[in-house]
Amino acid sequence: MARSGVGQRQEVREGHRVTPPLPLPSALEVASSSASPDLTPVVGSNLRRLRRKRGLSLERLSHASGVSRAMLSQIELGKSTPTINVIWKIASALDLPFSALITDRRSKPPAVMRASTARVLTSHDGAFVSRALFPVDQLRLAEFYELHLAPTSVERAEAHPAGTTENLVVVGGILNLVIGGERHRLGAGDAILFEADVPHEYRNDGQEPLHMFLVMTYGPRDAPGT
């Protein structure tokens, strides 16, 4: 997978003048190396198309999403794979479902989704892993994910668009789910349904890996036919 070169800066000398280095994205915005490399060009192509369709500059989208302009540029160029949280921020700023950015518009609906070719997204440190369990050939009102959270780890999520719900079931481990400041403790076999239009976080405070499945459902206005 093409990496962003975080932490590497270059200066170009032109005579006696030094061209300042281009800004680089934050390391926290770049997914770990375990993310699916084939997602990098897909997300980049979708982001460029959707941003231009809305007439947004990189600067304006950066301001609206809270994602650095440098990271947005790296994504569009196919040089960096964004974290799950970064994709959520961009999707929310564009008023689109998460799948709008990871859907390969060229692909045909697969009959079988093999684990070996699954679309996997991660947090910057790889502690939180999300695998899409649905064909990513078109936008959907409902999406199905398998989630893993490493021991003693936290994944914080921004508020999703109004009308978005999350239906979670814990397969293994203990989940401490914080929704708008209210904590819910769920063990294996427990499930929860909640409105996801407020900040929320998934916490694994134990020493065992946390394994979950999630169904994300969007309100009708959040799934335009783009």
C-alpha atoms as a PDB file:
ATOM      1  CA  MET A   1       0.000   0.000   0.000  1.00  0.00           C
ATOM      2  CA  ALA A   2       1.256   3.454  -0.855  1.00  0.00           C
ATOM      3  CA  ARG A   3       2.092   5.261   2.348  1.00  0.00           C
ATOM      4  CA  SER A   4       1.886   8.939   3.033  1.00  0.00           C
ATOM      5  CA  GLY A   5       5.450   9.293   4.231  1.00  0.00           C
ATOM      6  CA  VAL A   6       4.356  10.721   7.578  1.00  0.00           C
ATOM      7  CA  GLY A   7       7.264  12.231   9.392  1.00  0.00           C
ATOM      8  CA  GLN A   8       9.338  12.676   6.221  1.00  0.00           C
ATOM      9  CA  ARG A   9       9.846  16.193   4.890  1.00  0.00           C
ATOM     10  CA  GLN A  10      11.870  17.391   1.939  1.00  0.00           C
ATOM     11  CA  GLU A  11      13.163  20.805   0.952  1.00  0.00           C
ATOM     12  CA  VAL A  12      13.886  21.817  -2.643  1.00  0.00           C
ATOM     13  CA  ARG A  13      16.666  24.319  -3.166  1.00  0.00           C
ATOM     14  CA  GLU A  14      16.345  26.703  -6.084  1.00  0.00           C
ATOM     15  CA  GLY A  15      19.540  28.683  -6.197  1.00  0.00           C
ATOM     16  CA  HIS A  16      19.732  30.357  -2.772  1.00  0.00           C
ATOM     17  CA  ARG A  17      16.004  30.050  -2.145  1.00  0.00           C
ATOM     18  CA  VAL A  18      14.481  27.136  -0.227  1.00  0.00           C
ATOM     19  CA  THR A  19      10.966  26.012  -1.107  1.00  0.00           C
ATOM     20  CA  PRO A  20       9.069  25.245   2.118  1.00  0.00           C
ATOM     21  CA  PRO A  21       8.037  21.600   2.508  1.00  0.00           C
ATOM     22  CA  LEU A  22       4.464  20.647   1.744  1.00  0.00           C
ATOM     23  CA  PRO A  23       2.354  20.020   4.855  1.00  0.00           C
ATOM     24  CA  LEU A  24       1.882  16.361   5.719  1.00  0.00           C
ATOM     25  CA  PRO A  25      -1.187  14.696   7.213  1.00  0.00           C
ATOM     26  CA  SER A  26      -1.248  13.810  10.900  1.00  0.00           C
ATOM     27  CA  ALA A  27      -0.184  10.265  11.727  1.00  0.00           C
ATOM     28  CA  LEU A  28      -3.520   9.883  13.539  1.00  0.00           C
ATOM     29  CA  GLU A  29      -5.345  10.310  10.209  1.00  0.00           C
ATOM     30  CA  VAL A  30      -3.557   7.452   8.452  1.00  0.00           C
ATOM     31  CA  ALA A  31      -4.776   3.849   8.812  1.00  0.00           C
ATOM     32  CA  SER A  32      -2.441   1.109   9.999  1.00  0.00           C
ATOM     33  CA  SER A  33      -0.700  -1.171   7.506  1.00  0.00           C
ATOM     34  CA  SER A  34      -3.348  -3.883   8.081  1.00  0.00           C
ATOM     35  CA  ALA A  35      -5.995  -1.855   6.204  1.00  0.00           C
ATOM     36  CA  SER A  36      -7.002  -3.219   2.789  1.00  0.00           C
ATOM     37  CA  PRO A  37      -4.622  -1.704   0.197  1.00  0.00           C
ATOM     38  CA  ASP A  38      -7.239  -1.907  -2.571  1.00  0.00           C
ATOM     39  CA  LEU A  39      -9.373   0.606  -0.664  1.00  0.00           C
ATOM     40  CA  THR A  40      -6.810   3.370  -1.136  1.00  0.00           C
ATOM     41  CA  PRO A  41      -7.579   4.141  -4.825  1.00  0.00           C
ATOM     42  CA  VAL A  42     -11.319   3.512  -4.323  1.00  0.00           C
ATOM     43  CA  VAL A  43     -11.638   6.020  -1.483  1.00  0.00           C
ATOM     44  CA  GLY A  44      -9.437   8.506  -3.336  1.00  0.00           C
ATOM     45  CA  SER A  45     -11.465   8.324  -6.546  1.00  0.00           C
ATOM     46  CA  ASN A  46     -14.786   8.594  -4.705  1.00  0.00           C
ATOM     47  CA  LEU A  47     -13.618  11.524  -2.606  1.00  0.00           C
ATOM     48  CA  ARG A  48     -12.397  13.485  -5.628  1.00  0.00           C
ATOM     49  CA  ARG A  49     -15.627  12.822  -7.559  1.00  0.00           C
ATOM     50  CA  LEU A  50     -17.966  13.682  -4.665  1.00  0.00           C
ATOM     51  CA  ARG A  51     -16.014  16.771  -3.610  1.00  0.00           C
ATOM     52  CA  ARG A  52     -15.962  18.184  -7.137  1.00  0.00           C
ATOM     53  CA  LYS A  53     -19.642  17.341  -7.644  1.00  0.00           C
ATOM     54  CA  ARG A  54     -20.423  19.579  -4.668  1.00  0.00           C
ATOM     55  CA  GLY A  55     -18.092  22.325  -5.857  1.00  0.00           C
ATOM     56  CA  LEU A  56     -15.931  22.121  -2.744  1.00  0.00           C
ATOM     57  CA  SER A  57     -12.261  22.991  -2.614  1.00  0.00           C
ATOM     58  CA  LEU A  58      -9.931  20.925  -0.462  1.00  0.00           C
ATOM     59  CA  GLU A  59      -9.724  23.889   1.898  1.00  0.00           C
ATOM     60  CA  ARG A  60     -13.505  24.137   2.330  1.00  0.00           C
ATOM     61  CA  LEU A  61     -13.915  20.406   2.825  1.00  0.00           C
ATOM     62  CA  SER A  62     -11.092  20.420   5.348  1.00  0.00           C
ATOM     63  CA  HIS A  63     -12.844  23.172   7.306  1.00  0.00           C
ATOM     64  CA  ALA A  64     -16.196  21.366   7.187  1.00  0.00           C
ATOM     65  CA  SER A  65     -14.861  17.925   8.108  1.00  0.00           C
ATOM     66  CA  GLY A  66     -12.023  18.686  10.506  1.00  0.00           C
ATOM     67  CA  VAL A  67      -9.681  16.567   8.361  1.00  0.00           C
ATOM     68  CA  SER A  68      -6.442  18.258   7.376  1.00  0.00           C
ATOM     69  CA  ARG A  69      -6.141  19.574   3.827  1.00  0.00           C
ATOM     70  CA  ALA A  70      -2.904  17.611   3.472  1.00  0.00           C
ATOM     71  CA  MET A  71      -4.683  14.369   4.342  1.00  0.00           C
ATOM     72  CA  LEU A  72      -7.534  15.053   1.924  1.00  0.00           C
ATOM     73  CA  SER A  73      -4.999  15.662  -0.836  1.00  0.00           C
ATOM     74  CA  GLN A  74      -3.089  12.475  -0.005  1.00  0.00           C
ATOM     75  CA  ILE A  75      -6.320  10.461  -0.072  1.00  0.00           C
ATOM     76  CA  GLU A  76      -7.359  11.821  -3.470  1.00  0.00           C
ATOM     77  CA  LEU A  77      -3.900  11.079  -4.865  1.00  0.00           C
ATOM     78  CA  GLY A  78      -4.131   7.494  -3.603  1.00  0.00           C
ATOM     79  CA  LYS A  79      -1.099   7.953  -1.372  1.00  0.00           C
ATOM     80  CA  SER A  80      -2.751   7.426   2.030  1.00  0.00           C
ATOM     81  CA  THR A  81      -5.465   5.168   3.414  1.00  0.00           C
ATOM     82  CA  PRO A  82      -7.581   7.110   5.925  1.00  0.00           C
ATOM     83  CA  THR A  83      -8.682   5.753   9.281  1.00  0.00           C
ATOM     84  CA  ILE A  84     -12.294   4.783   9.947  1.00  0.00           C
ATOM     85  CA  ASN A  85     -12.804   7.998  11.917  1.00  0.00           C
ATOM     86  CA  VAL A  86     -11.439  10.146   9.084  1.00  0.00           C
ATOM     87  CA  ILE A  87     -13.794   8.516   6.565  1.00  0.00           C
ATOM     88  CA  TRP A  88     -16.713   9.160   8.922  1.00  0.00           C
ATOM     89  CA  LYS A  89     -15.753  12.832   9.238  1.00  0.00           C
ATOM     90  CA  ILE A  90     -15.575  13.250   5.466  1.00  0.00           C
ATOM     91  CA  ALA A  91     -18.849  11.377   4.866  1.00  0.00           C
ATOM     92  CA  SER A  92     -20.634  13.500   7.482  1.00  0.00           C
ATOM     93  CA  ALA A  93     -19.289  16.722   5.973  1.00  0.00           C
ATOM     94  CA  LEU A  94     -20.551  15.615   2.546  1.00  0.00           C
ATOM     95  CA  ASP A  95     -23.876  14.449   4.079  1.00  0.00           C
ATOM     96  CA  LEU A  96     -23.352  10.936   2.710  1.00  0.00           C
ATOM     97  CA  PRO A  97     -23.361   7.422   4.187  1.00  0.00           C
ATOM     98  CA  PHE A  98     -20.051   5.804   5.054  1.00  0.00           C
ATOM     99  CA  SER A  99     -20.317   3.388   2.125  1.00  0.00           C
ATOM    100  CA  ALA A 100     -20.345   6.262  -0.390  1.00  0.00           C
ATOM    101  CA  LEU A 101     -16.574   6.551   0.070  1.00  0.00           C
ATOM    102  CA  ILE A 102     -15.644   2.861   0.122  1.00  0.00           C
ATOM    103  CA  THR A 103     -17.937   1.641  -2.686  1.00  0.00           C
ATOM    104  CA  ASP A 104     -16.167   0.506  -5.839  1.00  0.00           C
ATOM    105  CA  ARG A 105     -18.475   1.800  -8.586  1.00  0.00           C
ATOM    106  CA  ARG A 106     -16.775  -0.416 -11.162  1.00  0.00           C
ATOM    107  CA  SER A 107     -17.348  -3.706  -9.362  1.00  0.00           C
ATOM    108  CA  LYS A 108     -20.177  -6.187  -9.910  1.00  0.00           C
ATOM    109  CA  PRO A 109     -22.216  -7.519  -6.992  1.00  0.00           C
ATOM    110  CA  PRO A 110     -20.306 -10.547  -5.675  1.00  0.00           C
ATOM    111  CA  ALA A 111     -22.140 -13.736  -4.811  1.00  0.00           C
ATOM    112  CA  VAL A 112     -19.643 -14.575  -2.057  1.00  0.00           C
ATOM    113  CA  MET A 113     -17.530 -12.244   0.084  1.00  0.00           C
ATOM    114  CA  ARG A 114     -14.360 -14.130   0.958  1.00  0.00           C
ATOM    115  CA  ALA A 115     -12.542 -13.277   4.175  1.00  0.00           C
ATOM    116  CA  SER A 116      -9.283 -13.161   2.224  1.00  0.00           C
ATOM    117  CA  THR A 117     -10.554 -10.311   0.010  1.00  0.00           C
ATOM    118  CA  ALA A 118     -12.648  -8.454   2.594  1.00  0.00           C
ATOM    119  CA  ARG A 119     -12.704  -4.660   2.759  1.00  0.00           C
ATOM    120  CA  VAL A 120     -10.932  -3.895   6.045  1.00  0.00           C
ATOM    121  CA  LEU A 121     -10.558  -0.471   7.672  1.00  0.00           C
ATOM    122  CA  THR A 122      -8.604   0.334  10.830  1.00  0.00           C
ATOM    123  CA  SER A 123      -7.860   3.035  13.350  1.00  0.00           C
ATOM    124  CA  HIS A 124      -4.460   4.741  13.145  1.00  0.00           C
ATOM    125  CA  ASP A 125      -2.881   2.238  15.551  1.00  0.00           C
ATOM    126  CA  GLY A 126      -4.720  -0.840  14.275  1.00  0.00           C
ATOM    127  CA  ALA A 127      -6.520  -1.398  17.602  1.00  0.00           C
ATOM    128  CA  PHE A 128      -9.959  -0.978  16.005  1.00  0.00           C
ATOM    129  CA  VAL A 129     -10.710  -3.036  12.885  1.00  0.00           C
ATOM    130  CA  SER A 130     -13.881  -2.927  10.789  1.00  0.00           C
ATOM    131  CA  ARG A 131     -14.720  -5.409   8.005  1.00  0.00           C
ATOM    132  CA  ALA A 132     -17.552  -4.695   5.570  1.00  0.00           C
ATOM    133  CA  LEU A 133     -19.876  -7.713   5.293  1.00  0.00           C
ATOM    134  CA  PHE A 134     -21.891  -6.396   2.359  1.00  0.00           C
ATOM    135  CA  PRO A 135     -21.252  -5.887  -1.361  1.00  0.00           C
ATOM    136  CA  VAL A 136     -19.807  -2.439  -1.887  1.00  0.00           C
ATOM    137  CA  ASP A 137     -21.138  -2.045  -5.421  1.00  0.00           C
ATOM    138  CA  GLN A 138     -23.782   0.550  -4.542  1.00  0.00           C
ATOM    139  CA  LEU A 139     -25.025   2.781  -1.742  1.00  0.00           C
ATOM    140  CA  ARG A 140     -27.263   1.119   0.830  1.00  0.00           C
ATOM    141  CA  LEU A 141     -29.636   2.239   3.568  1.00  0.00           C
ATOM    142  CA  ALA A 142     -28.251  -0.529   5.808  1.00  0.00           C
ATOM    143  CA  GLU A 143     -24.671  -1.750   6.208  1.00  0.00           C
ATOM    144  CA  PHE A 144     -23.327  -4.787   8.063  1.00  0.00           C
ATOM    145  CA  TYR A 145     -19.891  -4.790   9.737  1.00  0.00           C
ATOM    146  CA  GLU A 146     -17.692  -7.085  11.810  1.00  0.00           C
ATOM    147  CA  LEU A 147     -15.749  -5.138  14.448  1.00  0.00           C
ATOM    148  CA  HIS A 148     -12.708  -5.964  16.569  1.00  0.00           C
ATOM    149  CA  LEU A 149     -11.295  -3.824  19.378  1.00  0.00           C
ATOM    150  CA  ALA A 150      -7.998  -4.702  21.053  1.00  0.00           C
ATOM    151  CA  PRO A 151      -7.713  -4.986  24.859  1.00  0.00           C
ATOM    152  CA  THR A 152      -7.502  -1.707  26.817  1.00  0.00           C
ATOM    153  CA  SER A 153      -8.450   0.302  23.729  1.00  0.00           C
ATOM    154  CA  VAL A 154     -10.997   2.998  22.928  1.00  0.00           C
ATOM    155  CA  GLU A 155     -12.524   3.977  19.584  1.00  0.00           C
ATOM    156  CA  ARG A 156     -14.318   7.333  19.594  1.00  0.00           C
ATOM    157  CA  ALA A 157     -16.910   8.109  16.921  1.00  0.00           C
ATOM    158  CA  GLU A 158     -18.246  11.477  15.856  1.00  0.00           C
ATOM    159  CA  ALA A 159     -21.997  12.080  15.744  1.00  0.00           C
ATOM    160  CA  HIS A 160     -23.432  10.540  12.575  1.00  0.00           C
ATOM    161  CA  PRO A 161     -26.124  12.244  10.443  1.00  0.00           C
ATOM    162  CA  ALA A 162     -29.579  12.531  11.966  1.00  0.00           C
ATOM    163  CA  GLY A 163     -31.623   9.369  11.475  1.00  0.00           C
ATOM    164  CA  THR A 164     -28.619   7.031  11.687  1.00  0.00           C
ATOM    165  CA  THR A 165     -29.002   4.068  14.045  1.00  0.00           C
ATOM    166  CA  GLU A 166     -26.538   1.426  15.188  1.00  0.00           C
ATOM    167  CA  ASN A 167     -27.566  -2.102  16.184  1.00  0.00           C
ATOM    168  CA  LEU A 168     -24.654  -3.865  17.917  1.00  0.00           C
ATOM    169  CA  VAL A 169     -24.268  -7.399  19.229  1.00  0.00           C
ATOM    170  CA  VAL A 170     -21.271  -8.535  21.267  1.00  0.00           C
ATOM    171  CA  VAL A 171     -19.811 -11.908  20.276  1.00  0.00           C
ATOM    172  CA  GLY A 172     -16.859 -12.019  22.652  1.00  0.00           C
ATOM    173  CA  GLY A 173     -15.359  -9.805  25.329  1.00  0.00           C
ATOM    174  CA  ILE A 174     -16.924  -6.949  27.281  1.00  0.00           C
ATOM    175  CA  LEU A 175     -18.040  -3.720  25.601  1.00  0.00           C
ATOM    176  CA  ASN A 176     -18.434  -0.475  27.499  1.00  0.00           C
ATOM    177  CA  LEU A 177     -20.411   1.675  25.096  1.00  0.00           C
ATOM    178  CA  VAL A 178     -20.669   5.377  25.927  1.00  0.00           C
ATOM    179  CA  ILE A 179     -23.502   7.203  24.148  1.00  0.00           C
ATOM    180  CA  GLY A 180     -23.737  10.930  24.759  1.00  0.00           C
ATOM    181  CA  GLY A 181     -22.004  10.472  28.123  1.00  0.00           C
ATOM    182  CA  GLU A 182     -24.170   7.519  29.242  1.00  0.00           C
ATOM    183  CA  ARG A 183     -22.350   4.215  29.723  1.00  0.00           C
ATOM    184  CA  HIS A 184     -23.753   0.786  28.815  1.00  0.00           C
ATOM    185  CA  ARG A 185     -21.933  -2.471  29.662  1.00  0.00           C
ATOM    186  CA  LEU A 186     -22.557  -5.410  27.310  1.00  0.00           C
ATOM    187  CA  GLY A 187     -21.208  -8.956  27.475  1.00  0.00           C
ATOM    188  CA  ALA A 188     -21.205 -11.798  24.955  1.00  0.00           C
ATOM    189  CA  GLY A 189     -24.690 -12.235  23.480  1.00  0.00           C
ATOM    190  CA  ASP A 190     -25.902  -8.795  24.568  1.00  0.00           C
ATOM    191  CA  ALA A 191     -27.204  -6.389  21.935  1.00  0.00           C
ATOM    192  CA  ILE A 192     -28.105  -2.721  21.813  1.00  0.00           C
ATOM    193  CA  LEU A 193     -29.912  -0.411  19.389  1.00  0.00           C
ATOM    194  CA  PHE A 194     -29.298   3.341  19.620  1.00  0.00           C
ATOM    195  CA  GLU A 195     -29.519   6.612  17.740  1.00  0.00           C
ATOM    196  CA  ALA A 196     -25.992   7.342  16.538  1.00  0.00           C
ATOM    197  CA  ASP A 197     -26.421  11.083  15.894  1.00  0.00           C
ATOM    198  CA  VAL A 198     -24.477  11.910  19.082  1.00  0.00           C
ATOM    199  CA  PRO A 199     -20.790  11.341  19.876  1.00  0.00           C
ATOM    200  CA  HIS A 200     -20.207   7.797  21.120  1.00  0.00           C
ATOM    201  CA  GLU A 201     -17.306   5.547  21.965  1.00  0.00           C
ATOM    202  CA  TYR A 202     -16.559   1.853  22.089  1.00  0.00           C
ATOM    203  CA  ARG A 203     -14.399   0.886  25.062  1.00  0.00           C
ATOM    204  CA  ASN A 204     -12.632  -2.381  25.751  1.00  0.00           C
ATOM    205  CA  ASP A 205     -11.347  -1.954  29.289  1.00  0.00           C
ATOM    206  CA  GLY A 206     -10.513  -5.636  29.724  1.00  0.00           C
ATOM    207  CA  GLN A 207      -7.612  -7.859  28.789  1.00  0.00           C
ATOM    208  CA  GLU A 208      -9.486  -9.915  26.185  1.00  0.00           C
ATOM    209  CA  PRO A 209     -10.132  -8.887  22.548  1.00  0.00           C
ATOM    210  CA  LEU A 210     -13.614  -7.511  21.866  1.00  0.00           C
ATOM    211  CA  HIS A 211     -15.561  -8.981  18.924  1.00  0.00           C
ATOM    212  CA  MET A 212     -18.816  -7.424  17.701  1.00  0.00           C
ATOM    213  CA  PHE A 213     -21.184  -7.210  14.757  1.00  0.00           C
ATOM    214  CA  LEU A 214     -22.862  -3.966  13.731  1.00  0.00           C
ATOM    215  CA  VAL A 215     -25.794  -3.093  11.507  1.00  0.00           C
ATOM    216  CA  MET A 216     -25.734   0.591  10.539  1.00  0.00           C
ATOM    217  CA  THR A 217     -29.004   2.011   9.226  1.00  0.00           C
ATOM    218  CA  TYR A 218     -29.331   5.445   7.645  1.00  0.00           C
ATOM    219  CA  GLY A 219     -32.317   7.735   7.396  1.00  0.00           C
ATOM    220  CA  PRO A 220     -33.737   8.052   3.841  1.00  0.00           C
ATOM    221  CA  ARG A 221     -32.288  11.520   3.313  1.00  0.00           C
ATOM    222  CA  ASP A 222     -28.755  10.267   4.070  1.00  0.00           C
ATOM    223  CA  ALA A 223     -28.546   7.851   1.144  1.00  0.00           C
ATOM    224  CA  PRO A 224     -28.714   9.888  -2.044  1.00  0.00           C
ATOM    225  CA  GLY A 225     -28.197   8.086  -5.329  1.00  0.00           C
ATOM    226  CA  THR A 226     -24.731   9.428  -5.992  1.00  0.00           C
END
